[in-house]
């Protein structure tokens, strides 16, 4: 598959051949959906907690005598029926983690990347060279590329100047190619990758990847 390469001015300066096993995969909706649900579930902390009647503070003494008071029959103050008492069937700390085979996770990522490439929402840039962090300059680059609405910036390695220039832009996120994931690809409309980032992604996620790299 051949895709155009742009410069920082938004002009097409070259065309590059990309790996079809990464950018030309048929879309599998069910696999992508399962991968997204898994990623969001694994991000949950699961720290919600309530106290049962045996855990709240309070005396276990009977509040008042059983009869001849004209009031309801009450036992301890910890009863779930009373204000400040325990909670019945309330949440407790738990894990929401879901498992998914590695091959399915990789397939979901390839489907998401292929969908971006086939829909024209993926832009390859030759390089993002910046001498100092400047948000205005990064905003201008994205505007010239036509990707200022919602963009995921992917570089070969973490680049501090690019990260600092883009972190204050709304709906913009920066990632190294080795940390690509389905959630970020689906939550941003455009994908802007440097040429070096494309090559790293091909080595990490493509058919010719080396073992042990890029675990999702």
N, C-alpha and C. Protein backbone atom coordinates (compact mmCIF):
# COMPACT_ATOMS: atom_id res chain seq x y z
N UNK A 1 0.85 -1.19 0.00
CA UNK A 1 0.00 0.00 0.00
C UNK A 1 0.89 1.24 0.00
N UNK A 2 0.53 2.22 -0.83
CA UNK A 2 1.34 3.43 -0.96
C UNK A 2 0.57 4.63 -0.43
N UNK A 3 1.24 5.42 0.43
CA UNK A 3 0.61 6.57 1.04
C UNK A 3 1.49 7.80 0.84
N UNK A 4 0.88 8.99 0.73
CA UNK A 4 1.67 10.21 0.55
C UNK A 4 2.35 10.64 1.85
N UNK A 5 3.47 11.31 1.69
CA UNK A 5 4.22 11.86 2.83
C UNK A 5 4.18 13.38 2.74
N UNK A 6 3.79 14.04 3.81
CA UNK A 6 3.69 15.50 3.84
C UNK A 6 4.85 16.08 4.64
N UNK A 7 5.11 17.34 4.39
CA UNK A 7 6.06 18.07 5.23
C UNK A 7 5.28 18.91 6.24
N UNK A 8 5.99 19.68 7.04
CA UNK A 8 5.34 20.48 8.07
C UNK A 8 4.47 21.58 7.49
N UNK A 9 4.64 21.90 6.21
CA UNK A 9 3.83 22.92 5.55
C UNK A 9 2.55 22.34 4.95
N UNK A 10 2.37 21.02 5.05
CA UNK A 10 1.17 20.39 4.53
C UNK A 10 1.28 19.97 3.07
N UNK A 11 2.46 20.10 2.48
CA UNK A 11 2.65 19.76 1.07
C UNK A 11 3.10 18.30 0.94
N UNK A 12 2.65 17.65 -0.12
CA UNK A 12 3.06 16.28 -0.40
C UNK A 12 4.46 16.31 -1.02
N UNK A 13 5.42 15.68 -0.37
CA UNK A 13 6.80 15.71 -0.83
C UNK A 13 7.29 14.34 -1.31
N UNK A 14 6.53 13.30 -0.99
CA UNK A 14 6.98 11.97 -1.39
C UNK A 14 5.82 10.99 -1.21
N UNK A 15 6.02 9.79 -1.71
CA UNK A 15 5.08 8.70 -1.49
C UNK A 15 5.87 7.51 -0.97
N UNK A 16 5.29 6.80 0.00
CA UNK A 16 6.02 5.74 0.67
C UNK A 16 5.18 4.48 0.67
N UNK A 17 5.85 3.35 0.56
CA UNK A 17 5.19 2.06 0.62
C UNK A 17 5.13 1.60 2.07
N UNK A 18 3.92 1.25 2.53
CA UNK A 18 3.73 0.80 3.91
C UNK A 18 3.33 -0.67 3.93
N UNK A 19 3.47 -1.29 5.07
CA UNK A 19 3.21 -2.72 5.22
C UNK A 19 1.71 -2.99 5.16
N UNK A 20 1.30 -3.83 4.19
CA UNK A 20 -0.12 -4.16 4.05
C UNK A 20 -0.65 -4.96 5.23
N UNK A 21 0.22 -5.69 5.92
CA UNK A 21 -0.23 -6.48 7.07
C UNK A 21 -0.60 -5.59 8.26
N UNK A 22 -0.27 -4.30 8.18
CA UNK A 22 -0.58 -3.38 9.26
C UNK A 22 -1.58 -2.31 8.83
N UNK A 23 -1.54 -1.90 7.57
CA UNK A 23 -2.37 -0.79 7.12
C UNK A 23 -3.39 -1.17 6.05
N UNK A 24 -3.53 -2.46 5.76
CA UNK A 24 -4.51 -2.89 4.76
C UNK A 24 -5.19 -4.18 5.20
N UNK A 25 -5.67 -4.17 6.44
CA UNK A 25 -6.32 -5.35 7.02
C UNK A 25 -7.83 -5.13 7.00
N UNK A 26 -8.62 -6.13 6.60
CA UNK A 26 -10.09 -5.98 6.65
C UNK A 26 -10.56 -5.70 8.07
N UNK A 27 -11.58 -4.87 8.18
CA UNK A 27 -12.05 -4.43 9.50
C UNK A 27 -12.92 -5.51 10.14
N UNK A 28 -12.57 -5.92 11.35
CA UNK A 28 -13.33 -6.89 12.13
C UNK A 28 -13.98 -6.15 13.30
N UNK A 29 -15.23 -5.80 13.13
CA UNK A 29 -15.92 -4.97 14.12
C UNK A 29 -15.98 -5.62 15.49
N UNK A 30 -16.27 -6.91 15.54
CA UNK A 30 -16.42 -7.60 16.82
C UNK A 30 -15.11 -7.63 17.60
N UNK A 31 -14.00 -7.86 16.90
CA UNK A 31 -12.70 -7.92 17.56
C UNK A 31 -12.30 -6.55 18.09
N UNK A 32 -12.53 -5.52 17.28
CA UNK A 32 -12.19 -4.16 17.71
C UNK A 32 -13.04 -3.75 18.91
N UNK A 33 -14.32 -4.09 18.87
CA UNK A 33 -15.20 -3.77 19.99
C UNK A 33 -14.76 -4.48 21.27
N UNK A 34 -14.41 -5.74 21.16
CA UNK A 34 -13.96 -6.48 22.34
C UNK A 34 -12.67 -5.91 22.90
N UNK A 35 -11.76 -5.50 22.02
CA UNK A 35 -10.50 -4.92 22.48
C UNK A 35 -10.74 -3.59 23.18
N UNK A 36 -11.67 -2.78 22.67
CA UNK A 36 -11.96 -1.50 23.30
C UNK A 36 -12.62 -1.70 24.67
N UNK A 37 -13.57 -2.62 24.75
CA UNK A 37 -14.22 -2.90 26.03
C UNK A 37 -13.20 -3.40 27.05
N UNK A 38 -12.29 -4.27 26.61
CA UNK A 38 -11.26 -4.78 27.50
C UNK A 38 -10.35 -3.67 28.01
N UNK A 39 -9.94 -2.79 27.11
CA UNK A 39 -9.03 -1.72 27.51
C UNK A 39 -9.68 -0.78 28.52
N UNK A 40 -10.93 -0.45 28.30
CA UNK A 40 -11.63 0.43 29.23
C UNK A 40 -11.91 -0.26 30.56
N UNK A 41 -12.21 -1.54 30.51
CA UNK A 41 -12.44 -2.28 31.75
C UNK A 41 -11.17 -2.39 32.57
N UNK A 42 -10.04 -2.61 31.90
CA UNK A 42 -8.77 -2.74 32.61
C UNK A 42 -8.29 -1.42 33.18
N UNK A 43 -8.84 -0.31 32.68
CA UNK A 43 -8.47 1.00 33.22
C UNK A 43 -9.25 1.35 34.48
N UNK A 44 -10.29 0.59 34.78
CA UNK A 44 -11.10 0.87 35.97
C UNK A 44 -10.32 0.49 37.23
N UNK A 45 -10.40 1.32 38.26
CA UNK A 45 -9.69 1.06 39.50
C UNK A 45 -10.41 0.03 40.37
N UNK A 46 -11.73 0.06 40.35
CA UNK A 46 -12.47 -0.89 41.17
C UNK A 46 -12.31 -0.66 42.65
N UNK A 47 -12.21 0.61 43.08
CA UNK A 47 -11.98 0.92 44.49
C UNK A 47 -13.25 1.35 45.22
N UNK A 48 -14.41 1.33 44.55
CA UNK A 48 -15.66 1.70 45.22
C UNK A 48 -15.93 0.74 46.38
N UNK A 49 -16.27 1.29 47.54
CA UNK A 49 -16.44 0.44 48.72
C UNK A 49 -17.49 1.01 49.65
N UNK A 50 -18.27 0.14 50.27
CA UNK A 50 -19.23 0.51 51.30
C UNK A 50 -19.04 -0.42 52.50
N UNK A 51 -19.59 -0.02 53.63
CA UNK A 51 -19.46 -0.81 54.85
C UNK A 51 -20.77 -1.56 55.14
N UNK A 52 -20.63 -2.80 55.53
CA UNK A 52 -21.78 -3.58 55.95
C UNK A 52 -22.12 -3.24 57.40
N UNK A 53 -23.19 -3.81 57.91
CA UNK A 53 -23.59 -3.51 59.28
C UNK A 53 -22.57 -4.01 60.29
N UNK A 54 -21.72 -4.93 59.90
CA UNK A 54 -20.68 -5.41 60.79
C UNK A 54 -19.42 -4.56 60.76
N UNK A 55 -19.36 -3.59 59.84
CA UNK A 55 -18.15 -2.77 59.69
C UNK A 55 -18.34 -1.33 60.14
N UNK A 56 -19.58 -0.83 60.17
CA UNK A 56 -19.79 0.55 60.60
C UNK A 56 -19.60 0.66 62.11
N UNK A 57 -19.27 1.88 62.56
CA UNK A 57 -19.08 2.09 63.99
C UNK A 57 -20.43 2.30 64.67
N UNK A 58 -20.51 1.86 65.89
CA UNK A 58 -21.76 2.01 66.63
C UNK A 58 -21.92 0.88 67.65
N UNK A 59 -22.70 1.15 68.66
CA UNK A 59 -22.90 0.16 69.73
C UNK A 59 -23.78 -0.99 69.24
N UNK A 60 -23.57 -2.15 69.83
CA UNK A 60 -24.42 -3.31 69.53
C UNK A 60 -25.54 -3.45 70.55
N UNK A 61 -25.64 -2.49 71.44
CA UNK A 61 -26.70 -2.54 72.45
C UNK A 61 -28.05 -2.21 71.81
N UNK A 62 -29.09 -2.87 72.29
CA UNK A 62 -30.43 -2.58 71.81
C UNK A 62 -30.78 -1.15 72.15
N UNK A 63 -31.34 -0.43 71.19
CA UNK A 63 -31.53 1.01 71.34
C UNK A 63 -32.51 1.34 72.46
N UNK A 64 -33.62 0.63 72.55
CA UNK A 64 -34.60 0.82 73.63
C UNK A 64 -35.40 -0.46 73.77
N UNK A 65 -36.19 -0.50 74.77
CA UNK A 65 -36.90 -1.74 75.05
C UNK A 65 -37.86 -2.11 73.92
N UNK A 66 -38.17 -3.42 73.87
CA UNK A 66 -38.94 -3.96 72.76
C UNK A 66 -40.37 -3.43 72.73
N UNK A 67 -41.00 -3.33 73.89
CA UNK A 67 -42.43 -3.01 73.94
C UNK A 67 -42.69 -1.75 74.76
N UNK A 68 -43.93 -1.27 74.63
CA UNK A 68 -44.47 -0.21 75.47
C UNK A 68 -43.82 1.15 75.22
N UNK A 69 -43.23 1.37 74.05
CA UNK A 69 -42.67 2.70 73.75
C UNK A 69 -43.46 3.40 72.64
N UNK A 70 -44.27 2.65 71.92
CA UNK A 70 -45.01 3.25 70.81
C UNK A 70 -44.15 3.47 69.58
N UNK A 71 -42.92 3.00 69.59
CA UNK A 71 -42.00 3.19 68.47
C UNK A 71 -41.75 1.84 67.80
N UNK A 72 -41.08 1.89 66.65
CA UNK A 72 -40.77 0.65 65.94
C UNK A 72 -39.77 -0.18 66.74
N UNK A 73 -39.78 -1.46 66.52
CA UNK A 73 -38.86 -2.34 67.23
C UNK A 73 -37.47 -2.21 66.60
N UNK A 74 -36.52 -1.76 67.38
CA UNK A 74 -35.17 -1.53 66.89
C UNK A 74 -34.17 -2.38 67.64
N UNK A 75 -33.17 -2.85 66.88
CA UNK A 75 -32.09 -3.58 67.50
C UNK A 75 -30.88 -2.67 67.67
N UNK A 76 -29.84 -2.90 66.88
CA UNK A 76 -28.62 -2.09 66.99
C UNK A 76 -28.69 -0.90 66.04
N UNK A 77 -27.86 0.08 66.30
CA UNK A 77 -27.81 1.29 65.46
C UNK A 77 -27.16 1.02 64.11
N UNK A 78 -26.54 -0.11 63.97
CA UNK A 78 -25.86 -0.43 62.71
C UNK A 78 -26.81 -0.97 61.64
N UNK A 79 -28.07 -1.08 61.95
CA UNK A 79 -29.02 -1.65 61.02
C UNK A 79 -29.06 -0.87 59.71
N UNK A 80 -29.13 -1.53 58.58
CA UNK A 80 -29.24 -0.84 57.28
C UNK A 80 -30.50 0.01 57.15
N UNK A 81 -31.48 -0.20 58.02
CA UNK A 81 -32.71 0.57 57.96
C UNK A 81 -32.55 1.97 58.55
N UNK A 82 -31.46 2.19 59.27
CA UNK A 82 -31.28 3.46 59.97
C UNK A 82 -30.21 4.31 59.29
N UNK A 83 -30.35 5.61 59.48
CA UNK A 83 -29.35 6.55 58.95
C UNK A 83 -28.01 6.30 59.63
N UNK A 84 -26.95 6.18 58.83
CA UNK A 84 -25.63 5.91 59.37
C UNK A 84 -25.35 4.43 59.57
N UNK A 85 -26.32 3.58 59.20
CA UNK A 85 -26.12 2.15 59.34
C UNK A 85 -25.38 1.56 58.15
N UNK A 86 -25.29 0.24 58.15
CA UNK A 86 -24.58 -0.43 57.07
C UNK A 86 -25.34 -0.38 55.76
N UNK A 87 -24.67 -0.79 54.69
CA UNK A 87 -25.26 -0.82 53.35
C UNK A 87 -25.45 -2.27 52.92
N UNK A 88 -26.63 -2.56 52.41
CA UNK A 88 -26.94 -3.92 51.97
C UNK A 88 -26.52 -4.09 50.51
N UNK A 89 -25.74 -5.11 50.23
CA UNK A 89 -25.32 -5.45 48.86
C UNK A 89 -24.62 -4.26 48.17
N UNK A 90 -23.86 -3.49 48.93
CA UNK A 90 -23.13 -2.37 48.35
C UNK A 90 -21.86 -2.82 47.65
N UNK A 91 -21.22 -1.91 46.90
CA UNK A 91 -19.99 -2.29 46.17
C UNK A 91 -18.81 -2.47 47.11
N UNK A 92 -17.91 -3.34 46.72
CA UNK A 92 -16.67 -3.58 47.45
C UNK A 92 -15.53 -3.62 46.44
N UNK A 93 -14.30 -3.35 46.87
CA UNK A 93 -13.16 -3.36 45.94
C UNK A 93 -13.08 -4.67 45.16
N UNK A 94 -12.95 -4.54 43.84
CA UNK A 94 -12.89 -5.71 42.97
C UNK A 94 -12.10 -5.37 41.72
N UNK A 95 -11.72 -6.37 40.97
CA UNK A 95 -10.99 -6.20 39.73
C UNK A 95 -11.94 -6.36 38.55
N UNK A 96 -11.85 -5.42 37.60
CA UNK A 96 -12.67 -5.47 36.39
C UNK A 96 -11.89 -5.98 35.19
N UNK A 97 -10.69 -6.48 35.43
CA UNK A 97 -9.81 -6.86 34.33
C UNK A 97 -10.41 -7.97 33.47
N UNK A 98 -10.18 -7.84 32.16
CA UNK A 98 -10.62 -8.84 31.19
C UNK A 98 -9.40 -9.35 30.42
N UNK A 99 -9.45 -10.60 30.07
CA UNK A 99 -8.36 -11.20 29.31
C UNK A 99 -8.76 -11.31 27.84
N UNK A 100 -7.75 -11.22 26.98
CA UNK A 100 -7.98 -11.32 25.55
C UNK A 100 -6.72 -11.88 24.92
N UNK A 101 -6.83 -12.86 24.03
CA UNK A 101 -5.64 -13.43 23.40
C UNK A 101 -4.81 -12.36 22.68
N UNK A 102 -3.50 -12.54 22.75
CA UNK A 102 -2.59 -11.55 22.16
C UNK A 102 -2.82 -11.38 20.66
N UNK A 103 -3.11 -12.46 19.97
CA UNK A 103 -3.33 -12.36 18.53
C UNK A 103 -4.57 -11.51 18.23
N UNK A 104 -5.59 -11.63 19.07
CA UNK A 104 -6.79 -10.82 18.87
C UNK A 104 -6.51 -9.36 19.17
N UNK A 105 -5.71 -9.09 20.19
CA UNK A 105 -5.37 -7.70 20.50
C UNK A 105 -4.60 -7.06 19.35
N UNK A 106 -3.65 -7.80 18.80
CA UNK A 106 -2.88 -7.27 17.67
C UNK A 106 -3.76 -7.09 16.44
N UNK A 107 -4.68 -8.01 16.22
CA UNK A 107 -5.58 -7.88 15.07
C UNK A 107 -6.46 -6.64 15.22
N UNK A 108 -6.94 -6.37 16.43
CA UNK A 108 -7.77 -5.19 16.65
C UNK A 108 -6.99 -3.92 16.35
N UNK A 109 -5.72 -3.87 16.79
CA UNK A 109 -4.90 -2.69 16.52
C UNK A 109 -4.65 -2.52 15.03
N UNK A 110 -4.39 -3.61 14.33
CA UNK A 110 -4.17 -3.52 12.88
C UNK A 110 -5.43 -3.09 12.16
N UNK A 111 -6.58 -3.55 12.63
CA UNK A 111 -7.85 -3.13 12.02
C UNK A 111 -8.06 -1.63 12.20
N UNK A 112 -7.76 -1.13 13.40
CA UNK A 112 -7.94 0.30 13.66
C UNK A 112 -7.00 1.14 12.80
N UNK A 113 -5.75 0.71 12.68
CA UNK A 113 -4.79 1.44 11.83
C UNK A 113 -5.20 1.38 10.36
N UNK A 114 -5.66 0.23 9.91
CA UNK A 114 -6.08 0.08 8.52
C UNK A 114 -7.29 0.94 8.21
N UNK A 115 -8.20 1.06 9.19
CA UNK A 115 -9.38 1.90 8.99
C UNK A 115 -8.98 3.36 8.84
N UNK A 116 -8.01 3.81 9.62
CA UNK A 116 -7.53 5.19 9.50
C UNK A 116 -6.89 5.41 8.13
N UNK A 117 -6.10 4.44 7.69
CA UNK A 117 -5.39 4.61 6.42
C UNK A 117 -6.36 4.60 5.24
N UNK A 118 -7.36 3.71 5.27
CA UNK A 118 -8.27 3.59 4.14
C UNK A 118 -9.28 4.73 4.07
N UNK A 119 -9.58 5.36 5.20
CA UNK A 119 -10.57 6.43 5.22
C UNK A 119 -9.94 7.81 4.97
N UNK A 120 -8.64 7.87 4.80
CA UNK A 120 -7.97 9.15 4.59
C UNK A 120 -7.77 9.96 5.85
N UNK A 121 -7.93 9.34 7.02
CA UNK A 121 -7.77 10.04 8.30
C UNK A 121 -6.40 9.80 8.91
N UNK A 122 -5.49 9.25 8.11
CA UNK A 122 -4.11 9.05 8.55
C UNK A 122 -3.19 9.90 7.69
N UNK A 123 -2.34 10.69 8.34
CA UNK A 123 -1.42 11.58 7.64
C UNK A 123 0.00 11.25 8.07
N UNK A 124 0.87 11.04 7.11
CA UNK A 124 2.28 10.76 7.39
C UNK A 124 3.09 12.03 7.17
N UNK A 125 3.89 12.38 8.16
CA UNK A 125 4.74 13.58 8.09
C UNK A 125 6.19 13.12 8.04
N UNK A 126 6.98 13.80 7.22
CA UNK A 126 8.38 13.38 7.11
C UNK A 126 9.12 13.54 8.43
N UNK A 127 8.86 14.65 9.15
CA UNK A 127 9.47 14.85 10.47
C UNK A 127 8.78 16.01 11.16
N UNK A 128 8.91 16.04 12.48
CA UNK A 128 8.40 17.14 13.29
C UNK A 128 9.58 17.73 14.06
N UNK A 129 10.39 18.49 13.35
CA UNK A 129 11.60 19.07 13.95
C UNK A 129 11.26 20.41 14.59
N UNK A 130 11.52 20.52 15.90
CA UNK A 130 11.25 21.76 16.62
C UNK A 130 12.47 22.08 17.48
N UNK A 131 12.89 23.35 17.45
CA UNK A 131 14.05 23.75 18.24
C UNK A 131 13.69 24.08 19.67
N UNK A 132 12.41 24.39 19.91
CA UNK A 132 11.93 24.65 21.26
C UNK A 132 10.43 24.41 21.30
N UNK A 133 9.87 24.12 22.47
CA UNK A 133 8.43 23.84 22.53
C UNK A 133 7.60 25.08 22.26
N UNK A 134 6.72 24.98 21.27
CA UNK A 134 5.84 26.09 20.93
C UNK A 134 4.48 25.55 20.55
N UNK A 135 3.48 25.85 21.37
CA UNK A 135 2.12 25.37 21.12
C UNK A 135 1.55 25.98 19.84
N UNK A 136 1.83 27.26 19.60
CA UNK A 136 1.30 27.94 18.42
C UNK A 136 1.86 27.31 17.14
N UNK A 137 3.13 26.95 17.16
CA UNK A 137 3.74 26.33 15.98
C UNK A 137 3.13 24.96 15.71
N UNK A 138 2.92 24.17 16.77
CA UNK A 138 2.30 22.86 16.59
C UNK A 138 0.87 22.99 16.09
N UNK A 139 0.13 23.98 16.60
CA UNK A 139 -1.23 24.21 16.14
C UNK A 139 -1.25 24.58 14.65
N UNK A 140 -0.27 25.38 14.22
CA UNK A 140 -0.19 25.75 12.81
C UNK A 140 0.11 24.55 11.93
N UNK A 141 1.00 23.67 12.39
CA UNK A 141 1.34 22.48 11.62
C UNK A 141 0.11 21.59 11.43
N UNK A 142 -0.64 21.38 12.52
CA UNK A 142 -1.83 20.54 12.43
C UNK A 142 -2.90 21.17 11.56
N UNK A 143 -2.99 22.50 11.60
CA UNK A 143 -3.97 23.19 10.76
C UNK A 143 -3.61 23.06 9.29
N UNK A 144 -2.32 23.16 8.96
CA UNK A 144 -1.90 23.02 7.57
C UNK A 144 -2.09 21.59 7.07
N UNK A 145 -2.01 20.64 7.98
CA UNK A 145 -2.24 19.24 7.61
C UNK A 145 -3.72 18.91 7.55
N UNK A 146 -4.57 19.81 8.02
CA UNK A 146 -6.00 19.58 8.03
C UNK A 146 -6.45 18.60 9.09
N UNK A 147 -5.72 18.56 10.21
CA UNK A 147 -6.02 17.58 11.27
C UNK A 147 -6.17 18.25 12.63
N UNK A 148 -6.62 19.50 12.64
CA UNK A 148 -6.66 20.22 13.92
C UNK A 148 -7.86 19.86 14.77
N UNK A 149 -8.84 19.12 14.25
CA UNK A 149 -10.06 18.85 15.01
C UNK A 149 -9.80 17.94 16.20
N UNK A 150 -9.27 16.75 15.94
CA UNK A 150 -8.98 15.77 16.98
C UNK A 150 -7.90 14.87 16.44
N UNK A 151 -6.72 14.89 17.07
CA UNK A 151 -5.57 14.23 16.44
C UNK A 151 -4.75 13.46 17.47
N UNK A 152 -4.27 12.31 17.02
CA UNK A 152 -3.32 11.50 17.77
C UNK A 152 -1.97 11.59 17.07
N UNK A 153 -0.99 12.18 17.74
CA UNK A 153 0.35 12.35 17.19
C UNK A 153 1.21 11.16 17.59
N UNK A 154 1.77 10.48 16.62
CA UNK A 154 2.58 9.29 16.89
C UNK A 154 3.99 9.52 16.34
N UNK A 155 4.98 9.38 17.21
CA UNK A 155 6.38 9.53 16.84
C UNK A 155 7.11 8.21 17.07
N UNK A 156 8.31 8.12 16.55
CA UNK A 156 9.08 6.88 16.71
C UNK A 156 9.44 6.65 18.17
N UNK A 157 9.93 7.68 18.82
CA UNK A 157 10.30 7.63 20.23
C UNK A 157 9.68 8.84 20.93
N UNK A 158 9.58 8.81 22.26
CA UNK A 158 9.07 10.00 22.96
C UNK A 158 9.94 11.22 22.69
N UNK A 159 9.34 12.26 22.14
CA UNK A 159 10.06 13.49 21.83
C UNK A 159 9.55 14.61 22.73
N UNK A 160 10.35 15.03 23.71
CA UNK A 160 9.89 16.02 24.70
C UNK A 160 9.39 17.32 24.08
N UNK A 161 10.04 17.80 23.02
CA UNK A 161 9.62 19.07 22.42
C UNK A 161 8.24 18.93 21.76
N UNK A 162 8.01 17.81 21.12
CA UNK A 162 6.70 17.58 20.49
C UNK A 162 5.62 17.41 21.55
N UNK A 163 5.94 16.68 22.60
CA UNK A 163 4.97 16.47 23.68
C UNK A 163 4.59 17.79 24.34
N UNK A 164 5.59 18.61 24.66
CA UNK A 164 5.32 19.89 25.31
C UNK A 164 4.57 20.85 24.39
N UNK A 165 4.81 20.76 23.09
CA UNK A 165 4.14 21.66 22.15
C UNK A 165 2.68 21.27 21.94
N UNK A 166 2.35 20.00 22.14
CA UNK A 166 1.00 19.53 21.83
C UNK A 166 0.13 19.31 23.07
N UNK A 167 0.72 19.32 24.26
CA UNK A 167 -0.06 18.91 25.43
C UNK A 167 -1.13 19.92 25.83
N UNK A 168 -0.99 21.18 25.42
CA UNK A 168 -2.01 22.18 25.76
C UNK A 168 -3.06 22.34 24.67
N UNK A 169 -2.92 21.61 23.58
CA UNK A 169 -3.91 21.69 22.50
C UNK A 169 -5.10 20.79 22.85
N UNK A 170 -6.31 21.28 22.65
CA UNK A 170 -7.49 20.44 22.97
C UNK A 170 -7.61 19.27 22.01
N UNK A 171 -8.06 18.14 22.54
CA UNK A 171 -8.32 16.93 21.75
C UNK A 171 -7.08 16.47 20.98
N UNK A 172 -5.91 16.65 21.60
CA UNK A 172 -4.65 16.25 20.97
C UNK A 172 -3.84 15.43 21.96
N UNK A 173 -3.31 14.31 21.50
CA UNK A 173 -2.50 13.44 22.35
C UNK A 173 -1.29 12.96 21.59
N UNK A 174 -0.18 12.78 22.29
CA UNK A 174 1.07 12.33 21.68
C UNK A 174 1.46 10.98 22.25
N UNK A 175 1.86 10.07 21.36
CA UNK A 175 2.26 8.72 21.77
C UNK A 175 3.47 8.26 20.97
N UNK A 176 4.35 7.46 21.57
CA UNK A 176 5.36 6.75 20.75
C UNK A 176 4.70 5.57 20.05
N UNK A 177 5.27 5.15 18.95
CA UNK A 177 4.66 4.11 18.12
C UNK A 177 4.51 2.79 18.87
N UNK A 178 5.40 2.51 19.82
CA UNK A 178 5.34 1.25 20.54
C UNK A 178 4.16 1.18 21.51
N UNK A 179 3.53 2.34 21.80
CA UNK A 179 2.41 2.37 22.75
C UNK A 179 1.07 2.62 22.07
N UNK A 180 1.01 2.38 20.77
CA UNK A 180 -0.27 2.52 20.06
C UNK A 180 -1.31 1.57 20.67
N UNK A 181 -2.54 2.03 20.75
CA UNK A 181 -3.60 1.21 21.31
C UNK A 181 -4.93 1.55 20.64
N UNK A 182 -5.87 0.62 20.74
CA UNK A 182 -7.16 0.77 20.07
C UNK A 182 -7.94 1.94 20.64
N UNK A 183 -7.91 2.12 21.95
CA UNK A 183 -8.69 3.19 22.59
C UNK A 183 -8.33 4.56 22.07
N UNK A 184 -7.04 4.87 21.99
CA UNK A 184 -6.61 6.19 21.51
C UNK A 184 -6.89 6.36 20.02
N UNK A 185 -6.76 5.29 19.25
CA UNK A 185 -7.03 5.39 17.81
C UNK A 185 -8.50 5.68 17.54
N UNK A 186 -9.39 5.08 18.33
CA UNK A 186 -10.82 5.27 18.10
C UNK A 186 -11.35 6.56 18.71
N UNK A 187 -10.65 7.10 19.71
CA UNK A 187 -11.14 8.31 20.36
C UNK A 187 -10.61 9.59 19.70
N UNK A 188 -9.76 9.46 18.70
CA UNK A 188 -9.27 10.62 17.94
C UNK A 188 -9.61 10.42 16.47
N UNK A 189 -10.04 11.48 15.83
CA UNK A 189 -10.46 11.36 14.43
C UNK A 189 -9.28 11.16 13.50
N UNK A 190 -8.23 11.95 13.67
CA UNK A 190 -7.10 11.88 12.75
C UNK A 190 -5.89 11.24 13.44
N UNK A 191 -5.09 10.58 12.64
CA UNK A 191 -3.84 9.98 13.08
C UNK A 191 -2.70 10.59 12.29
N UNK A 192 -1.80 11.28 12.97
CA UNK A 192 -0.64 11.88 12.33
C UNK A 192 0.60 11.12 12.81
N UNK A 193 1.30 10.49 11.88
CA UNK A 193 2.48 9.71 12.21
C UNK A 193 3.69 10.24 11.46
N UNK A 194 4.81 10.31 12.15
CA UNK A 194 6.05 10.63 11.46
C UNK A 194 6.48 9.41 10.65
N UNK A 195 7.33 9.64 9.66
CA UNK A 195 7.78 8.53 8.82
C UNK A 195 8.56 7.51 9.65
N UNK A 196 9.37 8.00 10.56
CA UNK A 196 10.09 7.07 11.45
C UNK A 196 9.12 6.32 12.35
N UNK A 197 8.05 6.99 12.77
CA UNK A 197 7.05 6.33 13.58
C UNK A 197 6.35 5.21 12.83
N UNK A 198 6.11 5.41 11.54
CA UNK A 198 5.50 4.36 10.72
C UNK A 198 6.41 3.14 10.65
N UNK A 199 7.71 3.37 10.48
CA UNK A 199 8.65 2.25 10.39
C UNK A 199 8.74 1.49 11.71
N UNK A 200 8.72 2.23 12.82
CA UNK A 200 8.74 1.56 14.12
C UNK A 200 7.46 0.75 14.33
N UNK A 201 6.33 1.31 13.93
CA UNK A 201 5.06 0.59 14.05
C UNK A 201 5.07 -0.67 13.20
N UNK A 202 5.64 -0.60 12.02
CA UNK A 202 5.71 -1.78 11.15
C UNK A 202 6.58 -2.87 11.78
N UNK A 203 7.70 -2.47 12.39
CA UNK A 203 8.56 -3.46 13.04
C UNK A 203 7.91 -4.03 14.30
N UNK A 204 7.12 -3.20 14.99
CA UNK A 204 6.54 -3.63 16.26
C UNK A 204 5.25 -4.42 16.07
N UNK A 205 4.37 -3.93 15.19
CA UNK A 205 3.04 -4.52 15.06
C UNK A 205 2.82 -5.27 13.75
N UNK A 206 3.71 -5.09 12.77
CA UNK A 206 3.51 -5.74 11.47
C UNK A 206 3.89 -7.21 11.50
N UNK A 207 3.80 -7.83 10.34
CA UNK A 207 4.09 -9.27 10.25
C UNK A 207 5.57 -9.58 10.46
N UNK A 208 6.43 -8.58 10.21
CA UNK A 208 7.86 -8.80 10.38
C UNK A 208 8.40 -8.34 11.71
N UNK A 209 7.53 -8.21 12.73
CA UNK A 209 7.93 -7.72 14.03
C UNK A 209 8.86 -8.74 14.69
N UNK A 210 9.70 -8.24 15.60
CA UNK A 210 10.54 -9.12 16.39
C UNK A 210 9.79 -9.55 17.63
N UNK A 211 10.07 -10.72 18.15
CA UNK A 211 9.32 -11.26 19.29
C UNK A 211 9.58 -10.43 20.54
N UNK A 212 8.55 -10.28 21.36
CA UNK A 212 8.68 -9.59 22.63
C UNK A 212 8.48 -8.10 22.54
N UNK A 213 8.24 -7.55 21.38
CA UNK A 213 8.08 -6.11 21.23
C UNK A 213 6.59 -5.73 21.19
N UNK A 214 6.30 -4.56 21.72
CA UNK A 214 4.99 -3.98 21.56
C UNK A 214 3.85 -4.80 22.11
N UNK A 215 3.92 -5.22 23.36
CA UNK A 215 2.83 -5.98 23.95
C UNK A 215 1.69 -5.03 24.30
N UNK A 216 0.49 -5.29 23.79
CA UNK A 216 -0.67 -4.43 24.03
C UNK A 216 -1.24 -4.73 25.40
